Each structure stands twice: as structure tokens, then as C-alpha cells.
Amino acid sequence: MEVLAKALLRAVRLGHDNELFVLLFDGAFADPGDLEKLERAVQVAVGKHHQVMVVCPLASTADGTPLESSHQRQTESEQALHRLKSRFARFHVPVVSARRDDSVRLILNRIDQLRMVTR
């Protein structure tokens, strides 16, 4: 998370226009202390009028092992995604599952919204 946070802060420093930063990481099972570093970087980006989205695969447990049953996977993934959404909601940062069929469409829609704002 620290590497991702530093990369986001560097991109924010180099960005000139309002940018959309799409963060692709499996943070649903991440340590809450590690997520705080990324949250601070996201807060800086949003504070400078950039937009941020999080796309999360949710494919494994906290220790990296695959989830066993599809029901267990769905339940744990949904709970983990909900926790991640709650953490980033205060920054108005959407968190979507990469397994959603419309995750790419959501990113493209956000890009279109930014284009309309800059025109």
C-alpha cells in the first residue's frame, strides 16, 4: 500500500488537469494500518480536484489463499468489498469489483464525465 500511495502522490504532483486515477489492487483484505497510507494519498488527490476510483479483484483471503467454496467466496468477498467501500466513501471514491461485468464501463463513464467538465 505504501508503494501505491507514493505512486499516487507522485502522479498528483505531476498532474496538471483534473485527472482520473484508477487504482487496481486487492485491498479488501489489506491491513487497516496499511490502508491508512493509501487513504491519505487519496485524500490529497481528491483535495486537488482529481478523481479516484478503486477496482478490486477480491479473489483471495487475507493470507492470499484462494477461497474454497463459491458461496464462501461470494460472502467473504461481498463483506470485504463493503468494508473497502465504507472506508473510501468518505472521500467520495467509488470502489467496484473487477468481477463486475460493467467495471470497465464505469471507468469509461467517469472519464467522459471529466471530459465534459473540462470543456
Protein backbone atom coordinates (compact mmCIF):
# COMPACT_ATOMS: atom_id res chain seq x y z
CA MET A 1 0.00 0.00 0.00
CA GLU A 2 2.89 2.32 0.71
CA VAL A 3 4.23 1.93 -2.84
CA LEU A 4 0.78 2.59 -4.28
CA ALA A 5 0.32 5.63 -2.04
CA LYS A 6 3.68 7.08 -3.08
CA ALA A 7 2.91 6.47 -6.76
CA LEU A 8 -0.44 8.23 -6.42
CA LEU A 9 1.11 11.22 -4.68
CA ARG A 10 3.78 11.46 -7.38
CA ALA A 11 1.12 11.33 -10.11
CA VAL A 12 -0.86 14.04 -8.32
CA ARG A 13 2.25 16.25 -8.20
CA LEU A 14 2.84 15.77 -11.92
CA GLY A 15 -0.81 16.14 -12.99
CA HIS A 16 -1.89 19.45 -14.48
CA ASP A 17 -5.57 18.96 -15.24
CA ASN A 18 -8.20 17.19 -13.22
CA GLU A 19 -7.15 13.58 -13.63
CA LEU A 20 -8.88 10.27 -13.03
CA PHE A 21 -6.70 7.85 -11.09
CA VAL A 22 -7.88 4.24 -11.26
CA LEU A 23 -6.26 2.17 -8.53
CA LEU A 24 -6.23 -1.56 -9.23
CA PHE A 25 -5.41 -3.52 -6.10
CA ASP A 26 -6.75 -6.23 -3.84
CA GLY A 27 -7.22 -4.09 -0.79
CA ALA A 28 -10.32 -5.67 0.67
CA PHE A 29 -8.27 -7.97 2.88
CA ALA A 30 -5.42 -5.50 3.45
CA ASP A 31 -4.30 -4.49 6.91
CA PRO A 32 -6.25 -1.39 8.04
CA GLY A 33 -2.99 0.35 9.01
CA ASP A 34 -1.64 -0.11 5.50
CA LEU A 35 -4.86 1.23 4.00
CA GLU A 36 -4.49 4.44 6.02
CA LYS A 37 -1.41 5.39 3.98
CA LEU A 38 -3.34 4.97 0.77
CA GLU A 39 -6.34 6.83 2.19
CA ARG A 40 -4.14 9.83 2.97
CA ALA A 41 -2.83 9.84 -0.61
CA VAL A 42 -6.38 9.55 -1.96
CA GLN A 43 -7.43 12.43 0.27
CA VAL A 44 -4.65 14.58 -1.23
CA ALA A 45 -5.71 13.65 -4.77
CA VAL A 46 -9.37 14.44 -4.12
CA GLY A 47 -8.40 17.65 -2.34
CA LYS A 48 -6.62 18.77 -5.51
CA HIS A 49 -9.81 18.13 -7.53
CA HIS A 50 -8.71 14.87 -9.06
CA GLN A 51 -10.99 11.85 -9.15
CA VAL A 52 -10.10 8.42 -7.89
CA MET A 53 -11.68 5.01 -8.43
CA VAL A 54 -10.71 1.70 -6.83
CA VAL A 55 -11.08 -1.57 -8.72
CA CYS A 56 -10.61 -4.61 -6.53
CA PRO A 57 -10.46 -8.27 -7.67
CA LEU A 58 -11.40 -9.84 -4.28
CA ALA A 59 -10.07 -13.24 -5.23
CA SER A 60 -8.36 -14.47 -2.08
CA THR A 61 -8.37 -14.39 1.71
CA ALA A 62 -6.19 -12.20 3.89
CA ASP A 63 -3.31 -14.69 3.73
CA GLY A 64 -3.51 -14.94 -0.08
CA THR A 65 -5.03 -18.40 -0.31
CA PRO A 66 -7.95 -18.88 -2.68
CA LEU A 67 -11.38 -19.03 -1.11
CA GLU A 68 -12.75 -22.56 -1.13
CA SER A 69 -16.43 -22.65 -2.00
CA SER A 70 -18.17 -20.28 -4.35
CA HIS A 71 -20.68 -19.38 -1.60
CA GLN A 72 -17.87 -18.69 0.87
CA ARG A 73 -16.04 -16.68 -1.79
CA GLN A 74 -19.11 -14.62 -2.59
CA THR A 75 -19.97 -13.96 1.07
CA GLU A 76 -16.44 -13.04 2.16
CA SER A 77 -15.82 -11.01 -0.99
CA GLU A 78 -19.06 -9.08 -0.56
CA GLN A 79 -18.24 -8.31 3.07
CA ALA A 80 -14.69 -7.29 2.22
CA LEU A 81 -15.87 -5.11 -0.66
CA HIS A 82 -18.43 -3.48 1.63
CA ARG A 83 -15.72 -2.67 4.19
CA LEU A 84 -13.50 -1.19 1.48
CA LYS A 85 -16.39 0.85 0.07
CA SER A 86 -17.11 2.20 3.55
CA ARG A 87 -13.52 3.28 4.04
CA PHE A 88 -13.33 5.18 0.75
CA ALA A 89 -16.89 6.54 0.81
CA ARG A 90 -15.88 9.48 2.97
CA PHE A 91 -13.64 10.65 0.11
CA HIS A 92 -16.41 10.06 -2.47
CA VAL A 93 -14.26 7.40 -4.11
CA PRO A 94 -16.19 4.56 -5.73
CA VAL A 95 -14.95 1.03 -5.15
CA VAL A 96 -16.02 -1.60 -7.67
CA SER A 97 -15.28 -5.28 -8.06
CA ALA A 98 -13.25 -6.22 -11.11
CA ARG A 99 -15.54 -9.20 -11.46
CA ARG A 100 -18.46 -6.94 -12.30
CA ASP A 101 -19.27 -7.03 -15.98
CA ASP A 102 -19.67 -3.27 -16.05
CA SER A 103 -16.48 -2.23 -14.22
CA VAL A 104 -14.80 -1.06 -17.44
CA ARG A 105 -17.95 0.83 -18.45
CA LEU A 106 -17.97 2.59 -15.07
CA ILE A 107 -14.38 3.75 -15.61
CA LEU A 108 -15.13 4.98 -19.12
CA ASN A 109 -18.20 6.83 -17.87
CA ARG A 110 -16.09 8.58 -15.25
CA ILE A 111 -13.60 9.61 -17.95
CA ASP A 112 -16.45 11.01 -20.05
CA GLN A 113 -17.69 13.00 -17.05
CA LEU A 114 -14.24 14.54 -16.62
CA ARG A 115 -14.11 15.46 -20.30
CA MET A 116 -17.45 17.24 -20.06
CA VAL A 117 -16.30 19.21 -17.03
CA THR A 118 -13.13 20.41 -18.75
CA ARG A 119 -14.95 21.57 -21.90
